[in-house]
Amino acid sequence: MANMGKMLREAQRLQQEMAKAQADIAEIARDYDVGGGAVRAVARGDGTLTEIHIRPDVLAEADVEMLEDMVLTAVNGAIGEVHKAAEKRMSSVTGGMNIPGLF
């Protein structure tokens, strides 16, 4: 029975660490730029896109389709960077174990 108590305490500790990691991930912000900084997007770990910057000179030179492609690439890149950071943070809690559905 003592072993069961130890297992329960360890599970509670892991649950607390996971909750802390998830809170940390929500605060992560990563940016990604395309076109040499012509378009930059910033995404957060809570799934929000917080910023999009378009250099004014791009508006004068770019056609709408190219600008849309650049914005889409910047947003997807920022989201990808957040996912990488989140996976790294969760890996520190799980010891590198891949737990399906965790993130």
C-alpha atoms as a PDB file:
ATOM      1  CA  MET A   1       0.000   0.000   0.000  1.00  0.00           C
ATOM      2  CA  ALA A   2       2.885   2.394   0.685  1.00  0.00           C
ATOM      3  CA  ASN A   3       3.867   1.984  -2.946  1.00  0.00           C
ATOM      4  CA  MET A   4       0.364   3.066  -4.023  1.00  0.00           C
ATOM      5  CA  GLY A   5       0.633   6.226  -1.906  1.00  0.00           C
ATOM      6  CA  LYS A   6       3.985   7.031  -3.439  1.00  0.00           C
ATOM      7  CA  MET A   7       2.544   6.564  -6.919  1.00  0.00           C
ATOM      8  CA  LEU A   8      -0.392   8.861  -6.129  1.00  0.00           C
ATOM      9  CA  ARG A   9       1.923  11.580  -4.793  1.00  0.00           C
ATOM     10  CA  GLU A  10       4.080  11.300  -7.886  1.00  0.00           C
ATOM     11  CA  ALA A  11       0.996  11.542 -10.127  1.00  0.00           C
ATOM     12  CA  GLN A  12      -0.146  14.666  -8.259  1.00  0.00           C
ATOM     13  CA  ARG A  13       3.312  16.202  -8.585  1.00  0.00           C
ATOM     14  CA  LEU A  14       3.339  15.476 -12.317  1.00  0.00           C
ATOM     15  CA  GLN A  15      -0.158  16.948 -12.674  1.00  0.00           C
ATOM     16  CA  GLN A  16       0.989  20.153 -10.947  1.00  0.00           C
ATOM     17  CA  GLU A  17       4.059  20.374 -13.175  1.00  0.00           C
ATOM     18  CA  MET A  18       1.894  19.868 -16.269  1.00  0.00           C
ATOM     19  CA  ALA A  19      -0.488  22.640 -15.168  1.00  0.00           C
ATOM     20  CA  LYS A  20       2.486  24.977 -14.647  1.00  0.00           C
ATOM     21  CA  ALA A  21       3.913  24.036 -18.053  1.00  0.00           C
ATOM     22  CA  GLN A  22       0.565  24.725 -19.730  1.00  0.00           C
ATOM     23  CA  ALA A  23       0.385  28.134 -18.052  1.00  0.00           C
ATOM     24  CA  ASP A  24       3.947  28.854 -19.210  1.00  0.00           C
ATOM     25  CA  ILE A  25       3.068  27.806 -22.752  1.00  0.00           C
ATOM     26  CA  ALA A  26       0.080  30.174 -22.828  1.00  0.00           C
ATOM     27  CA  GLU A  27       2.532  33.037 -22.210  1.00  0.00           C
ATOM     28  CA  ILE A  28       5.005  32.060 -24.946  1.00  0.00           C
ATOM     29  CA  ALA A  29       5.185  34.548 -27.813  1.00  0.00           C
ATOM     30  CA  ARG A  30       7.109  33.914 -31.006  1.00  0.00           C
ATOM     31  CA  ASP A  31       7.463  35.949 -34.170  1.00  0.00           C
ATOM     32  CA  TYR A  32       8.202  35.045 -37.756  1.00  0.00           C
ATOM     33  CA  ASP A  33       8.993  37.317 -40.662  1.00  0.00           C
ATOM     34  CA  VAL A  34       9.049  36.894 -44.420  1.00  0.00           C
ATOM     35  CA  GLY A  35      10.373  38.958 -47.276  1.00  0.00           C
ATOM     36  CA  GLY A  36      13.358  40.164 -45.300  1.00  0.00           C
ATOM     37  CA  GLY A  37      11.109  41.581 -42.604  1.00  0.00           C
ATOM     38  CA  ALA A  38       8.494  42.934 -44.987  1.00  0.00           C
ATOM     39  CA  VAL A  39       5.764  41.103 -43.076  1.00  0.00           C
ATOM     40  CA  ARG A  40       6.041  39.905 -39.485  1.00  0.00           C
ATOM     41  CA  ALA A  41       3.507  38.042 -37.338  1.00  0.00           C
ATOM     42  CA  VAL A  42       3.554  37.317 -33.598  1.00  0.00           C
ATOM     43  CA  ALA A  43       1.651  34.357 -32.140  1.00  0.00           C
ATOM     44  CA  ARG A  44       1.167  33.257 -28.526  1.00  0.00           C
ATOM     45  CA  GLY A  45       0.940  29.853 -26.934  1.00  0.00           C
ATOM     46  CA  ASP A  46      -2.699  30.427 -26.048  1.00  0.00           C
ATOM     47  CA  GLY A  47      -3.518  30.307 -29.757  1.00  0.00           C
ATOM     48  CA  THR A  48      -3.861  34.039 -30.316  1.00  0.00           C
ATOM     49  CA  LEU A  49      -2.198  36.072 -33.012  1.00  0.00           C
ATOM     50  CA  THR A  50      -1.142  39.282 -31.296  1.00  0.00           C
ATOM     51  CA  GLU A  51       0.581  41.320 -33.993  1.00  0.00           C
ATOM     52  CA  ILE A  52       0.962  41.661 -37.723  1.00  0.00           C
ATOM     53  CA  HIS A  53       3.413  44.223 -39.053  1.00  0.00           C
ATOM     54  CA  ILE A  54       3.581  45.168 -42.720  1.00  0.00           C
ATOM     55  CA  ARG A  55       6.341  47.508 -43.773  1.00  0.00           C
ATOM     56  CA  PRO A  56       4.758  50.496 -45.543  1.00  0.00           C
ATOM     57  CA  ASP A  57       7.000  50.194 -48.591  1.00  0.00           C
ATOM     58  CA  VAL A  58       5.570  46.703 -49.215  1.00  0.00           C
ATOM     59  CA  LEU A  59       2.121  48.186 -49.759  1.00  0.00           C
ATOM     60  CA  ALA A  60       3.405  50.418 -52.522  1.00  0.00           C
ATOM     61  CA  GLU A  61       5.250  47.590 -54.279  1.00  0.00           C
ATOM     62  CA  ALA A  62       3.223  44.452 -53.619  1.00  0.00           C
ATOM     63  CA  ASP A  63       0.203  43.186 -55.394  1.00  0.00           C
ATOM     64  CA  VAL A  64      -2.598  41.953 -53.157  1.00  0.00           C
ATOM     65  CA  GLU A  65      -2.018  38.251 -53.856  1.00  0.00           C
ATOM     66  CA  MET A  66       1.685  38.449 -52.995  1.00  0.00           C
ATOM     67  CA  LEU A  67       0.922  40.381 -49.796  1.00  0.00           C
ATOM     68  CA  GLU A  68      -1.712  37.807 -48.786  1.00  0.00           C
ATOM     69  CA  ASP A  69       0.808  35.013 -49.333  1.00  0.00           C
ATOM     70  CA  MET A  70       3.392  36.807 -47.226  1.00  0.00           C
ATOM     71  CA  VAL A  71       0.925  37.406 -44.372  1.00  0.00           C
ATOM     72  CA  LEU A  72      -0.199  33.772 -44.468  1.00  0.00           C
ATOM     73  CA  THR A  73       3.396  32.538 -44.421  1.00  0.00           C
ATOM     74  CA  ALA A  74       4.303  34.837 -41.516  1.00  0.00           C
ATOM     75  CA  VAL A  75       1.273  33.761 -39.465  1.00  0.00           C
ATOM     76  CA  ASN A  76       1.875  30.058 -40.076  1.00  0.00           C
ATOM     77  CA  GLY A  77       5.564  30.497 -39.287  1.00  0.00           C
ATOM     78  CA  ALA A  78       4.819  32.248 -35.978  1.00  0.00           C
ATOM     79  CA  ILE A  79       2.357  29.516 -35.015  1.00  0.00           C
ATOM     80  CA  GLY A  80       4.950  26.886 -35.908  1.00  0.00           C
ATOM     81  CA  GLU A  81       7.547  28.597 -33.707  1.00  0.00           C
ATOM     82  CA  VAL A  82       5.088  28.628 -30.785  1.00  0.00           C
ATOM     83  CA  HIS A  83       4.426  24.906 -31.267  1.00  0.00           C
ATOM     84  CA  LYS A  84       8.163  24.154 -31.224  1.00  0.00           C
ATOM     85  CA  ALA A  85       8.601  26.130 -27.990  1.00  0.00           C
ATOM     86  CA  ALA A  86       5.560  24.438 -26.428  1.00  0.00           C
ATOM     87  CA  GLU A  87       6.827  20.968 -27.323  1.00  0.00           C
ATOM     88  CA  LYS A  88      10.193  21.809 -25.796  1.00  0.00           C
ATOM     89  CA  ARG A  89       8.538  23.049 -22.580  1.00  0.00           C
ATOM     90  CA  MET A  90       6.300  19.986 -22.270  1.00  0.00           C
ATOM     91  CA  SER A  91       9.238  17.700 -22.971  1.00  0.00           C
ATOM     92  CA  SER A  92      10.932  19.128 -19.896  1.00  0.00           C
ATOM     93  CA  VAL A  93       7.959  17.907 -17.826  1.00  0.00           C
ATOM     94  CA  THR A  94       7.396  14.550 -19.497  1.00  0.00           C
ATOM     95  CA  GLY A  95      11.065  13.663 -19.759  1.00  0.00           C
ATOM     96  CA  GLY A  96      10.770  13.407 -23.535  1.00  0.00           C
ATOM     97  CA  MET A  97       7.940  10.873 -23.427  1.00  0.00           C
ATOM     98  CA  ASN A  98       5.473  11.362 -26.242  1.00  0.00           C
ATOM     99  CA  ILE A  99       2.025  11.449 -24.643  1.00  0.00           C
ATOM    100  CA  PRO A 100      -0.670  11.421 -27.350  1.00  0.00           C
ATOM    101  CA  GLY A 101      -3.117  14.305 -27.165  1.00  0.00           C
ATOM    102  CA  LEU A 102      -1.020  16.265 -24.692  1.00  0.00           C
ATOM    103  CA  PHE A 103      -0.095  19.013 -27.121  1.00  0.00           C
END
